[in-house]
Amino acid sequence: MLTRRVVVCLDVSEGRVVKGTQFVELRDVGDPVELATRYEREGADEIVFLDISASAEGRATLLDVARRTAEELFIPLTIGGGIRSANDMGHALRAGADKVSINSAAVARPAVLSESADRFGSQCVVASIDAKWDAGWSAWRVYIKGGREPTSLDAVQWAQACVGHGAGEILLTSIDRDGARTGYDVELTEAVSAAVNVPVVASGGAGSAEHVCDVLQHGADAALLAGILHDRETTVADVKRVMRAAGLEVRS
């Protein structure tokens, strides 16, 4: 049985971790280095830093935070936000990232994925996809620029295209569920997982350990958590205990 991962996401703005609902109404929840090391102690398998300030200054701040965090962490670190080229990816990797997430830039120019994979290997390239259900399409539409701008891309088809361009992992966020704590979008996760042959990290909607188990039993290779951990409603260790009880293989 494959081991399932618990990934903790830290949205970073101006050097602080923030959290919101459906990408808005952001509130400060703490220092990124302190939170990352705390979650590692609790048993997190990976940490994701996402720069949501969408500026060169914000990215520089994030890279500084990543350097300080990488000195403390022993688990993999992913960095995303504002990555527009293979050179940007190189800066992130040199700052201590193990993987780099690319979202809007890949939609604008998919070759950034293949260029990055050619230089650093597909295992370093994460295609981040923010998706929202579109009733008119009867499908999930891809959004960019922090969930603010809709595209003409179908999320499932775009995930396949990203893998074709060299992405070694998909970070799949449901905008509808983000921050709602009503459970992951299992249907979206299943559809994307069935369409690609790389790991899919489900994001958006975690409200309990049971939600984590549910999405992992429906195609996800990993589940991303944020708000319920930041607010101390549960811990990574407690989530993993419930996962083990459900028969899911987890890292100790």
C-alpha atoms as a PDB file:
ATOM      1  CA  MET A   1       0.000   0.000   0.000  1.00  0.00           C
ATOM      2  CA  LEU A   2       1.274   3.472  -0.899  1.00  0.00           C
ATOM      3  CA  THR A   3       2.093   5.814   1.939  1.00  0.00           C
ATOM      4  CA  ARG A   4      -0.188   8.848   2.046  1.00  0.00           C
ATOM      5  CA  ARG A   5       1.257  12.251   2.872  1.00  0.00           C
ATOM      6  CA  VAL A   6       0.023  15.060   5.081  1.00  0.00           C
ATOM      7  CA  VAL A   7       1.196  18.374   3.634  1.00  0.00           C
ATOM      8  CA  VAL A   8       0.916  21.646   5.554  1.00  0.00           C
ATOM      9  CA  CYS A   9       0.475  24.855   3.563  1.00  0.00           C
ATOM     10  CA  LEU A  10       1.657  28.246   4.758  1.00  0.00           C
ATOM     11  CA  ASP A  11       0.372  31.182   2.693  1.00  0.00           C
ATOM     12  CA  VAL A  12       2.980  33.902   3.150  1.00  0.00           C
ATOM     13  CA  SER A  13       2.413  37.620   2.644  1.00  0.00           C
ATOM     14  CA  GLU A  14       5.029  40.221   3.585  1.00  0.00           C
ATOM     15  CA  GLY A  15       6.874  37.686   5.697  1.00  0.00           C
ATOM     16  CA  ARG A  16       3.852  36.502   7.709  1.00  0.00           C
ATOM     17  CA  VAL A  17       1.553  33.494   7.398  1.00  0.00           C
ATOM     18  CA  VAL A  18      -2.028  34.432   6.544  1.00  0.00           C
ATOM     19  CA  LYS A  19      -5.250  32.473   6.006  1.00  0.00           C
ATOM     20  CA  GLY A  20      -8.554  33.362   4.392  1.00  0.00           C
ATOM     21  CA  THR A  21     -11.680  31.931   2.794  1.00  0.00           C
ATOM     22  CA  GLN A  22     -11.916  31.440  -0.976  1.00  0.00           C
ATOM     23  CA  PHE A  23      -8.641  33.384  -1.259  1.00  0.00           C
ATOM     24  CA  VAL A  24      -9.983  36.544   0.451  1.00  0.00           C
ATOM     25  CA  GLU A  25     -10.536  37.921   3.982  1.00  0.00           C
ATOM     26  CA  LEU A  26      -6.943  37.201   4.975  1.00  0.00           C
ATOM     27  CA  ARG A  27      -5.875  37.210   8.617  1.00  0.00           C
ATOM     28  CA  ASP A  28      -2.452  36.925  10.237  1.00  0.00           C
ATOM     29  CA  VAL A  29      -1.767  33.558  11.865  1.00  0.00           C
ATOM     30  CA  GLY A  30       1.937  33.637  12.698  1.00  0.00           C
ATOM     31  CA  ASP A  31       5.605  33.460  11.820  1.00  0.00           C
ATOM     32  CA  PRO A  32       6.383  31.060   8.918  1.00  0.00           C
ATOM     33  CA  VAL A  33       9.589  29.628  10.361  1.00  0.00           C
ATOM     34  CA  GLU A  34       8.025  28.956  13.760  1.00  0.00           C
ATOM     35  CA  LEU A  35       4.938  27.361  12.217  1.00  0.00           C
ATOM     36  CA  ALA A  36       6.910  25.217   9.769  1.00  0.00           C
ATOM     37  CA  THR A  37       9.122  23.785  12.522  1.00  0.00           C
ATOM     38  CA  ARG A  38       6.121  23.214  14.759  1.00  0.00           C
ATOM     39  CA  TYR A  39       4.308  21.233  12.078  1.00  0.00           C
ATOM     40  CA  GLU A  40       7.416  19.183  11.382  1.00  0.00           C
ATOM     41  CA  ARG A  41       7.551  18.229  15.074  1.00  0.00           C
ATOM     42  CA  GLU A  42       3.893  17.211  14.885  1.00  0.00           C
ATOM     43  CA  GLY A  43       4.647  14.842  12.001  1.00  0.00           C
ATOM     44  CA  ALA A  44       4.008  16.764   8.786  1.00  0.00           C
ATOM     45  CA  ASP A  45       5.482  15.028   5.762  1.00  0.00           C
ATOM     46  CA  GLU A  46       6.025  18.213   3.744  1.00  0.00           C
ATOM     47  CA  ILE A  47       5.676  21.983   4.025  1.00  0.00           C
ATOM     48  CA  VAL A  48       4.446  24.278   1.248  1.00  0.00           C
ATOM     49  CA  PHE A  49       5.184  28.019   1.239  1.00  0.00           C
ATOM     50  CA  LEU A  50       3.029  30.038  -1.149  1.00  0.00           C
ATOM     51  CA  ASP A  51       3.797  33.708  -1.750  1.00  0.00           C
ATOM     52  CA  ILE A  52       0.404  35.334  -2.187  1.00  0.00           C
ATOM     53  CA  SER A  53       1.639  38.917  -2.376  1.00  0.00           C
ATOM     54  CA  ALA A  54       2.170  38.540  -6.134  1.00  0.00           C
ATOM     55  CA  SER A  55       5.120  40.902  -6.355  1.00  0.00           C
ATOM     56  CA  ALA A  56       8.873  40.724  -6.850  1.00  0.00           C
ATOM     57  CA  GLU A  57       9.315  42.158  -3.367  1.00  0.00           C
ATOM     58  CA  GLY A  58       7.060  39.487  -1.925  1.00  0.00           C
ATOM     59  CA  ARG A  59       8.983  36.739  -3.694  1.00  0.00           C
ATOM     60  CA  ALA A  60      12.287  38.065  -2.380  1.00  0.00           C
ATOM     61  CA  THR A  61      10.846  38.073   1.140  1.00  0.00           C
ATOM     62  CA  LEU A  62       9.600  34.520   0.685  1.00  0.00           C
ATOM     63  CA  LEU A  63      13.002  33.296  -0.495  1.00  0.00           C
ATOM     64  CA  ASP A  64      14.604  34.823   2.596  1.00  0.00           C
ATOM     65  CA  VAL A  65      12.023  33.056   4.765  1.00  0.00           C
ATOM     66  CA  ALA A  66      12.662  29.827   2.857  1.00  0.00           C
ATOM     67  CA  ARG A  67      16.411  30.047   3.504  1.00  0.00           C
ATOM     68  CA  ARG A  68      15.853  30.460   7.231  1.00  0.00           C
ATOM     69  CA  THR A  69      13.278  27.677   7.282  1.00  0.00           C
ATOM     70  CA  ALA A  70      15.381  25.234   5.256  1.00  0.00           C
ATOM     71  CA  GLU A  71      18.113  25.529   7.873  1.00  0.00           C
ATOM     72  CA  GLU A  72      15.675  24.147  10.452  1.00  0.00           C
ATOM     73  CA  LEU A  73      13.624  21.615   8.458  1.00  0.00           C
ATOM     74  CA  PHE A  74      14.423  18.004   7.651  1.00  0.00           C
ATOM     75  CA  ILE A  75      11.262  17.393   5.591  1.00  0.00           C
ATOM     76  CA  PRO A  76      10.704  18.512   1.971  1.00  0.00           C
ATOM     77  CA  LEU A  77       9.833  22.152   1.325  1.00  0.00           C
ATOM     78  CA  THR A  78       7.864  23.400  -1.688  1.00  0.00           C
ATOM     79  CA  ILE A  79       7.850  27.062  -2.696  1.00  0.00           C
ATOM     80  CA  GLY A  80       5.301  28.702  -4.985  1.00  0.00           C
ATOM     81  CA  GLY A  81       3.974  32.093  -5.995  1.00  0.00           C
ATOM     82  CA  GLY A  82       5.459  34.495  -8.492  1.00  0.00           C
ATOM     83  CA  ILE A  83       7.557  31.833 -10.242  1.00  0.00           C
ATOM     84  CA  ARG A  84       7.654  32.844 -13.905  1.00  0.00           C
ATOM     85  CA  SER A  85      10.701  31.104 -15.377  1.00  0.00           C
ATOM     86  CA  ALA A  86      13.208  28.312 -14.962  1.00  0.00           C
ATOM     87  CA  ASN A  87      15.586  30.915 -13.585  1.00  0.00           C
ATOM     88  CA  ASP A  88      13.054  31.797 -10.874  1.00  0.00           C
ATOM     89  CA  MET A  89      12.801  28.106 -10.080  1.00  0.00           C
ATOM     90  CA  GLY A  90      16.564  27.925  -9.766  1.00  0.00           C
ATOM     91  CA  HIS A  91      16.534  30.772  -7.245  1.00  0.00           C
ATOM     92  CA  ALA A  92      13.894  28.963  -5.193  1.00  0.00           C
ATOM     93  CA  LEU A  93      15.804  25.686  -5.238  1.00  0.00           C
ATOM     94  CA  ARG A  94      18.998  27.413  -4.211  1.00  0.00           C
ATOM     95  CA  ALA A  95      17.101  29.057  -1.363  1.00  0.00           C
ATOM     96  CA  GLY A  96      16.359  25.600   0.039  1.00  0.00           C
ATOM     97  CA  ALA A  97      13.229  24.390  -1.754  1.00  0.00           C
ATOM     98  CA  ASP A  98      12.992  20.748  -2.791  1.00  0.00           C
ATOM     99  CA  LYS A  99      10.119  21.435  -5.192  1.00  0.00           C
ATOM    100  CA  VAL A 100       8.690  24.545  -6.821  1.00  0.00           C
ATOM    101  CA  SER A 101       5.049  25.236  -7.603  1.00  0.00           C
ATOM    102  CA  ILE A 102       4.038  27.110 -10.762  1.00  0.00           C
ATOM    103  CA  ASN A 103       0.509  28.351 -11.428  1.00  0.00           C
ATOM    104  CA  SER A 104      -0.330  31.485 -13.453  1.00  0.00           C
ATOM    105  CA  ALA A 105       2.946  31.491 -15.388  1.00  0.00           C
ATOM    106  CA  ALA A 106       2.280  27.988 -16.683  1.00  0.00           C
ATOM    107  CA  VAL A 107      -1.106  29.049 -18.038  1.00  0.00           C
ATOM    108  CA  ALA A 108       0.466  32.051 -19.753  1.00  0.00           C
ATOM    109  CA  ARG A 109       3.352  29.994 -21.155  1.00  0.00           C
ATOM    110  CA  PRO A 110       3.225  26.219 -20.622  1.00  0.00           C
ATOM    111  CA  ALA A 111       6.822  25.875 -21.824  1.00  0.00           C
ATOM    112  CA  VAL A 112       7.954  27.153 -18.422  1.00  0.00           C
ATOM    113  CA  LEU A 113       7.083  23.710 -17.079  1.00  0.00           C
ATOM    114  CA  SER A 114       9.110  21.823 -19.673  1.00  0.00           C
ATOM    115  CA  GLU A 115      12.039  24.236 -19.422  1.00  0.00           C
ATOM    116  CA  SER A 116      12.095  23.810 -15.648  1.00  0.00           C
ATOM    117  CA  ALA A 117      11.767  20.030 -15.879  1.00  0.00           C
ATOM    118  CA  ASP A 118      14.597  19.860 -18.415  1.00  0.00           C
ATOM    119  CA  ARG A 119      16.920  21.851 -16.166  1.00  0.00           C
ATOM    120  CA  PHE A 120      16.024  20.481 -12.742  1.00  0.00           C
ATOM    121  CA  GLY A 121      13.995  17.293 -13.267  1.00  0.00           C
ATOM    122  CA  SER A 122      10.253  16.680 -13.196  1.00  0.00           C
ATOM    123  CA  GLN A 123      10.452  15.711  -9.528  1.00  0.00           C
ATOM    124  CA  CYS A 124      11.046  19.410  -8.740  1.00  0.00           C
ATOM    125  CA  VAL A 125       8.157  20.753 -10.821  1.00  0.00           C
ATOM    126  CA  VAL A 126       4.705  21.094  -9.237  1.00  0.00           C
ATOM    127  CA  ALA A 127       1.826  22.364 -11.363  1.00  0.00           C
ATOM    128  CA  SER A 128      -0.501  24.285  -9.068  1.00  0.00           C
ATOM    129  CA  ILE A 129      -4.092  24.376 -10.320  1.00  0.00           C
ATOM    130  CA  ASP A 130      -6.851  26.488  -8.748  1.00  0.00           C
ATOM    131  CA  ALA A 131     -10.226  25.256  -9.948  1.00  0.00           C
ATOM    132  CA  LYS A 132     -13.845  26.271  -9.469  1.00  0.00           C
ATOM    133  CA  TRP A 133     -17.008  24.533 -10.601  1.00  0.00           C
ATOM    134  CA  ASP A 134     -18.646  26.215 -13.591  1.00  0.00           C
ATOM    135  CA  ALA A 135     -22.293  25.200 -13.925  1.00  0.00           C
ATOM    136  CA  GLY A 136     -22.444  26.521 -17.474  1.00  0.00           C
ATOM    137  CA  TRP A 137     -19.609  24.242 -18.472  1.00  0.00           C
ATOM    138  CA  SER A 138     -20.602  21.346 -16.211  1.00  0.00           C
ATOM    139  CA  ALA A 139     -16.893  21.212 -15.472  1.00  0.00           C
ATOM    140  CA  TRP A 140     -14.206  22.808 -13.303  1.00  0.00           C
ATOM    141  CA  ARG A 141     -12.718  26.013 -14.698  1.00  0.00           C
ATOM    142  CA  VAL A 142      -9.084  26.948 -14.027  1.00  0.00           C
ATOM    143  CA  TYR A 143      -8.479  30.295 -12.334  1.00  0.00           C
ATOM    144  CA  ILE A 144      -5.215  32.230 -12.105  1.00  0.00           C
ATOM    145  CA  LYS A 145      -3.789  35.241 -10.253  1.00  0.00           C
ATOM    146  CA  GLY A 146      -4.740  34.014  -6.819  1.00  0.00           C
ATOM    147  CA  GLY A 147      -8.151  32.783  -7.889  1.00  0.00           C
ATOM    148  CA  ARG A 148      -9.212  36.180  -9.212  1.00  0.00           C
ATOM    149  CA  GLU A 149      -9.124  35.611 -12.980  1.00  0.00           C
ATOM    150  CA  PRO A 150     -10.998  32.845 -14.841  1.00  0.00           C
ATOM    151  CA  THR A 151      -9.444  31.152 -17.841  1.00  0.00           C
ATOM    152  CA  SER A 152     -10.859  29.103 -20.695  1.00  0.00           C
ATOM    153  CA  LEU A 153      -9.152  25.953 -19.394  1.00  0.00           C
ATOM    154  CA  ASP A 154     -10.879  22.831 -18.108  1.00  0.00           C
ATOM    155  CA  ALA A 155      -9.077  21.756 -14.926  1.00  0.00           C
ATOM    156  CA  VAL A 156      -8.918  18.049 -15.768  1.00  0.00           C
ATOM    157  CA  GLN A 157      -7.615  18.663 -19.295  1.00  0.00           C
ATOM    158  CA  TRP A 158      -5.170  21.281 -18.022  1.00  0.00           C
ATOM    159  CA  ALA A 159      -3.787  18.843 -15.447  1.00  0.00           C
ATOM    160  CA  GLN A 160      -3.103  16.376 -18.250  1.00  0.00           C
ATOM    161  CA  ALA A 161      -1.402  19.094 -20.289  1.00  0.00           C
ATOM    162  CA  CYS A 162       0.778  20.092 -17.325  1.00  0.00           C
ATOM    163  CA  VAL A 163       2.003  16.527 -16.935  1.00  0.00           C
ATOM    164  CA  GLY A 164       2.684  16.412 -20.661  1.00  0.00           C
ATOM    165  CA  HIS A 165       4.864  19.490 -20.259  1.00  0.00           C
ATOM    166  CA  GLY A 166       6.891  17.865 -17.485  1.00  0.00           C
ATOM    167  CA  ALA A 167       5.127  18.495 -14.180  1.00  0.00           C
ATOM    168  CA  GLY A 168       5.894  15.737 -11.690  1.00  0.00           C
ATOM    169  CA  GLU A 169       3.080  16.568  -9.274  1.00  0.00           C
ATOM    170  CA  ILE A 170      -0.266  18.382  -9.259  1.00  0.00           C
ATOM    171  CA  LEU A 171      -1.285  20.670  -6.397  1.00  0.00           C
ATOM    172  CA  LEU A 172      -5.049  20.841  -6.883  1.00  0.00           C
ATOM    173  CA  THR A 173      -7.019  23.487  -4.984  1.00  0.00           C
ATOM    174  CA  SER A 174     -10.799  23.756  -4.967  1.00  0.00           C
ATOM    175  CA  ILE A 175     -11.653  27.453  -4.753  1.00  0.00           C
ATOM    176  CA  ASP A 176     -15.228  26.520  -3.832  1.00  0.00           C
ATOM    177  CA  ARG A 177     -14.045  24.654  -0.757  1.00  0.00           C
ATOM    178  CA  ASP A 178     -11.081  26.819   0.249  1.00  0.00           C
ATOM    179  CA  GLY A 179     -11.401  27.789   3.904  1.00  0.00           C
ATOM    180  CA  ALA A 180     -14.953  26.425   4.159  1.00  0.00           C
ATOM    181  CA  ARG A 181     -13.928  23.342   6.200  1.00  0.00           C
ATOM    182  CA  THR A 182     -16.776  21.324   4.685  1.00  0.00           C
ATOM    183  CA  GLY A 183     -14.515  18.686   3.129  1.00  0.00           C
ATOM    184  CA  TYR A 184     -12.398  18.467   0.006  1.00  0.00           C
ATOM    185  CA  ASP A 185     -13.969  18.430  -3.454  1.00  0.00           C
ATOM    186  CA  VAL A 186     -13.765  14.677  -3.837  1.00  0.00           C
ATOM    187  CA  GLU A 187     -15.291  14.642  -7.313  1.00  0.00           C
ATOM    188  CA  LEU A 188     -12.710  17.119  -8.616  1.00  0.00           C
ATOM    189  CA  THR A 189      -9.883  15.183  -6.984  1.00  0.00           C
ATOM    190  CA  GLU A 190     -11.079  11.872  -8.391  1.00  0.00           C
ATOM    191  CA  ALA A 191     -11.419  13.291 -11.886  1.00  0.00           C
ATOM    192  CA  VAL A 192      -7.919  14.753 -11.957  1.00  0.00           C
ATOM    193  CA  SER A 193      -6.300  11.758 -10.240  1.00  0.00           C
ATOM    194  CA  ALA A 194      -7.841   9.409 -12.811  1.00  0.00           C
ATOM    195  CA  ALA A 195      -6.577  11.584 -15.671  1.00  0.00           C
ATOM    196  CA  VAL A 196      -2.887  11.861 -14.716  1.00  0.00           C
ATOM    197  CA  ASN A 197      -0.099   9.466 -13.772  1.00  0.00           C
ATOM    198  CA  VAL A 198       1.630  11.714 -11.231  1.00  0.00           C
ATOM    199  CA  PRO A 199       0.805  12.362  -7.557  1.00  0.00           C
ATOM    200  CA  VAL A 200      -2.099  14.687  -6.820  1.00  0.00           C
ATOM    201  CA  VAL A 201      -2.152  16.798  -3.660  1.00  0.00           C
ATOM    202  CA  ALA A 202      -5.730  17.719  -2.718  1.00  0.00           C
ATOM    203  CA  SER A 203      -6.246  21.186  -1.258  1.00  0.00           C
ATOM    204  CA  GLY A 204      -9.188  23.245  -0.064  1.00  0.00           C
ATOM    205  CA  GLY A 205     -11.875  22.302   2.424  1.00  0.00           C
ATOM    206  CA  ALA A 206     -10.240  20.310   5.219  1.00  0.00           C
ATOM    207  CA  GLY A 207     -12.321  20.574   8.377  1.00  0.00           C
ATOM    208  CA  SER A 208     -11.441  17.319  10.093  1.00  0.00           C
ATOM    209  CA  ALA A 209      -9.224  14.251   9.965  1.00  0.00           C
ATOM    210  CA  GLU A 210     -12.175  12.377   8.468  1.00  0.00           C
ATOM    211  CA  HIS A 211     -12.160  14.770   5.518  1.00  0.00           C
ATOM    212  CA  VAL A 212      -8.489  13.940   4.988  1.00  0.00           C
ATOM    213  CA  CYS A 213      -9.213  10.215   4.992  1.00  0.00           C
ATOM    214  CA  ASP A 214     -12.103  10.703   2.577  1.00  0.00           C
ATOM    215  CA  VAL A 215     -10.071  12.490  -0.098  1.00  0.00           C
ATOM    216  CA  LEU A 216      -7.140  10.083   0.267  1.00  0.00           C
ATOM    217  CA  GLN A 217      -9.533   7.188  -0.291  1.00  0.00           C
ATOM    218  CA  HIS A 218     -10.791   8.873  -3.466  1.00  0.00           C
ATOM    219  CA  GLY A 219      -7.641   9.292  -5.506  1.00  0.00           C
ATOM    220  CA  ALA A 220      -5.430  11.851  -3.757  1.00  0.00           C
ATOM    221  CA  ASP A 221      -1.866  10.882  -2.934  1.00  0.00           C
ATOM    222  CA  ALA A 222      -1.589  13.621  -0.328  1.00  0.00           C
ATOM    223  CA  ALA A 223      -3.851  16.006   1.542  1.00  0.00           C
ATOM    224  CA  LEU A 224      -2.967  19.630   2.188  1.00  0.00           C
ATOM    225  CA  LEU A 225      -3.990  21.233   5.475  1.00  0.00           C
ATOM    226  CA  ALA A 226      -3.844  24.807   6.718  1.00  0.00           C
ATOM    227  CA  GLY A 227      -6.571  26.560   8.708  1.00  0.00           C
ATOM    228  CA  ILE A 228      -7.583  23.779  11.099  1.00  0.00           C
ATOM    229  CA  LEU A 229      -3.941  23.418  12.095  1.00  0.00           C
ATOM    230  CA  HIS A 230      -3.280  27.160  12.371  1.00  0.00           C
ATOM    231  CA  ASP A 231      -6.328  27.513  14.639  1.00  0.00           C
ATOM    232  CA  ARG A 232      -5.238  24.468  16.679  1.00  0.00           C
ATOM    233  CA  GLU A 233      -8.506  22.629  16.045  1.00  0.00           C
ATOM    234  CA  THR A 234      -6.393  19.527  15.535  1.00  0.00           C
ATOM    235  CA  THR A 235      -2.762  18.507  15.048  1.00  0.00           C
ATOM    236  CA  VAL A 236      -0.914  16.610  12.356  1.00  0.00           C
ATOM    237  CA  ALA A 237      -0.343  13.798  14.853  1.00  0.00           C
ATOM    238  CA  ASP A 238      -4.075  13.519  15.545  1.00  0.00           C
ATOM    239  CA  VAL A 239      -4.852  13.504  11.819  1.00  0.00           C
ATOM    240  CA  LYS A 240      -2.380  10.685  11.276  1.00  0.00           C
ATOM    241  CA  ARG A 241      -3.867   8.658  14.111  1.00  0.00           C
ATOM    242  CA  VAL A 242      -7.269   8.826  12.427  1.00  0.00           C
ATOM    243  CA  MET A 243      -5.670   7.926   9.088  1.00  0.00           C
ATOM    244  CA  ARG A 244      -4.070   4.818  10.592  1.00  0.00           C
ATOM    245  CA  ALA A 245      -7.383   3.800  12.150  1.00  0.00           C
ATOM    246  CA  ALA A 246      -8.968   4.095   8.706  1.00  0.00           C
ATOM    247  CA  GLY A 247      -6.377   1.702   7.288  1.00  0.00           C
ATOM    248  CA  LEU A 248      -4.299   4.299   5.461  1.00  0.00           C
ATOM    249  CA  GLU A 249      -0.537   3.820   5.388  1.00  0.00           C
ATOM    250  CA  VAL A 250       1.240   6.850   6.840  1.00  0.00           C
ATOM    251  CA  ARG A 251       4.793   7.835   7.659  1.00  0.00           C
ATOM    252  CA  SER A 252       5.603   7.677  11.352  1.00  0.00           C
END
